[in-house]
């Protein structure tokens, strides 16, 4: 089964992010909000295996949803451990390069 890779583009917390660099273990993104403010994020690439979940619909019917093997980004709570945010691209690149050594 193919692993779903990190997105090249995504939106979260009012920012639109674009992947700038990527290795097997680290990804660098730049984000821009609607006011033109720019941020940079460095994420450790992590893997989450196949997960099946049961949901009971409003009609009482139980539905099973399968989430495929996939790479995941850090959640807001995981920043500082699996991801870091920077105001400048050189600072983000420095962290990116430190993590791939």
Protein backbone atom coordinates (compact mmCIF):
# COMPACT_ATOMS: atom_id res chain seq x y z
CA UNK A 1 0.00 0.00 0.00
CA UNK A 2 1.24 3.47 -0.86
CA UNK A 3 1.99 5.93 1.94
CA UNK A 4 0.23 9.30 1.68
CA UNK A 5 2.98 11.93 1.79
CA UNK A 6 2.91 15.34 3.43
CA UNK A 7 0.97 17.91 1.40
CA UNK A 8 2.80 20.31 -0.89
CA UNK A 9 0.21 23.00 -0.01
CA UNK A 10 -2.27 23.35 2.84
CA UNK A 11 -4.10 25.98 4.88
CA UNK A 12 -4.34 26.23 8.67
CA UNK A 13 -4.77 28.96 11.30
CA UNK A 14 -5.35 31.62 8.61
CA UNK A 15 -2.15 30.82 6.70
CA UNK A 16 -1.64 29.18 3.30
CA UNK A 17 1.49 27.00 3.40
CA UNK A 18 3.76 25.83 0.58
CA UNK A 19 6.49 23.22 0.92
CA UNK A 20 9.88 24.72 0.03
CA UNK A 21 12.24 21.82 0.80
CA UNK A 22 11.87 18.20 1.74
CA UNK A 23 14.03 15.20 2.71
CA UNK A 24 12.92 11.80 3.99
CA UNK A 25 13.00 13.15 7.56
CA UNK A 26 12.40 16.94 7.46
CA UNK A 27 10.12 19.37 5.57
CA UNK A 28 10.32 23.18 5.32
CA UNK A 29 7.19 25.25 4.63
CA UNK A 30 6.49 28.93 4.14
CA UNK A 31 3.12 30.35 5.12
CA UNK A 32 1.39 33.60 4.15
CA UNK A 33 -1.79 35.02 5.69
CA UNK A 34 -4.32 37.41 4.11
CA UNK A 35 -2.44 40.43 5.54
CA UNK A 36 0.74 39.38 3.76
CA UNK A 37 2.53 38.26 6.91
CA UNK A 38 5.00 35.43 6.23
CA UNK A 39 6.13 32.63 8.53
CA UNK A 40 8.35 29.59 8.10
CA UNK A 41 7.89 26.16 9.66
CA UNK A 42 10.25 23.20 9.90
CA UNK A 43 8.60 19.82 10.57
CA UNK A 44 10.06 16.42 11.34
CA UNK A 45 8.42 13.97 8.96
CA UNK A 46 6.56 11.36 10.99
CA UNK A 47 4.62 8.27 9.99
CA UNK A 48 1.18 7.18 11.16
CA UNK A 49 0.06 3.64 10.26
CA UNK A 50 -3.31 2.53 8.91
CA UNK A 51 -6.14 3.28 11.31
CA UNK A 52 -9.72 2.04 11.20
CA UNK A 53 -12.37 3.94 13.13
CA UNK A 54 -16.05 3.21 13.76
CA UNK A 55 -18.60 6.01 13.65
CA UNK A 56 -22.28 5.85 14.43
CA UNK A 57 -24.22 8.06 12.05
CA UNK A 58 -27.28 10.14 12.93
CA UNK A 59 -29.42 7.39 11.44
CA UNK A 60 -27.87 4.85 13.83
CA UNK A 61 -25.91 3.08 11.10
CA UNK A 62 -22.34 2.20 12.07
CA UNK A 63 -19.76 3.16 9.48
CA UNK A 64 -16.11 2.06 9.41
CA UNK A 65 -13.62 4.58 8.01
CA UNK A 66 -10.07 3.55 7.10
CA UNK A 67 -7.32 6.15 7.27
CA UNK A 68 -4.35 5.01 5.12
CA UNK A 69 -0.69 4.84 6.08
CA UNK A 70 0.42 8.45 6.00
CA UNK A 71 3.01 11.04 6.93
CA UNK A 72 1.81 13.64 9.42
CA UNK A 73 2.62 17.22 10.37
CA UNK A 74 2.96 18.35 13.96
CA UNK A 75 -0.15 19.60 15.72
CA UNK A 76 -0.11 23.02 17.42
CA UNK A 77 0.62 21.30 20.74
CA UNK A 78 3.64 19.47 19.30
CA UNK A 79 5.58 22.59 18.25
CA UNK A 80 8.94 22.74 19.96
CA UNK A 81 9.22 18.95 19.82
CA UNK A 82 8.36 17.94 16.24
CA UNK A 83 8.10 21.34 14.51
CA UNK A 84 9.49 24.87 14.83
CA UNK A 85 8.27 28.25 13.60
CA UNK A 86 10.52 31.10 12.40
CA UNK A 87 10.07 34.68 11.21
CA UNK A 88 12.93 34.53 8.70
CA UNK A 89 13.81 32.06 5.98
CA UNK A 90 17.53 31.90 6.94
CA UNK A 91 16.61 30.87 10.52
CA UNK A 92 14.24 28.18 9.20
CA UNK A 93 16.86 26.90 6.74
CA UNK A 94 19.42 26.74 9.56
CA UNK A 95 17.08 24.52 11.63
CA UNK A 96 16.21 22.42 8.57
CA UNK A 97 19.89 21.79 7.85
CA UNK A 98 20.68 21.04 11.51
CA UNK A 99 17.95 18.36 11.54
CA UNK A 100 19.21 16.58 8.42
CA UNK A 101 22.79 16.23 9.68
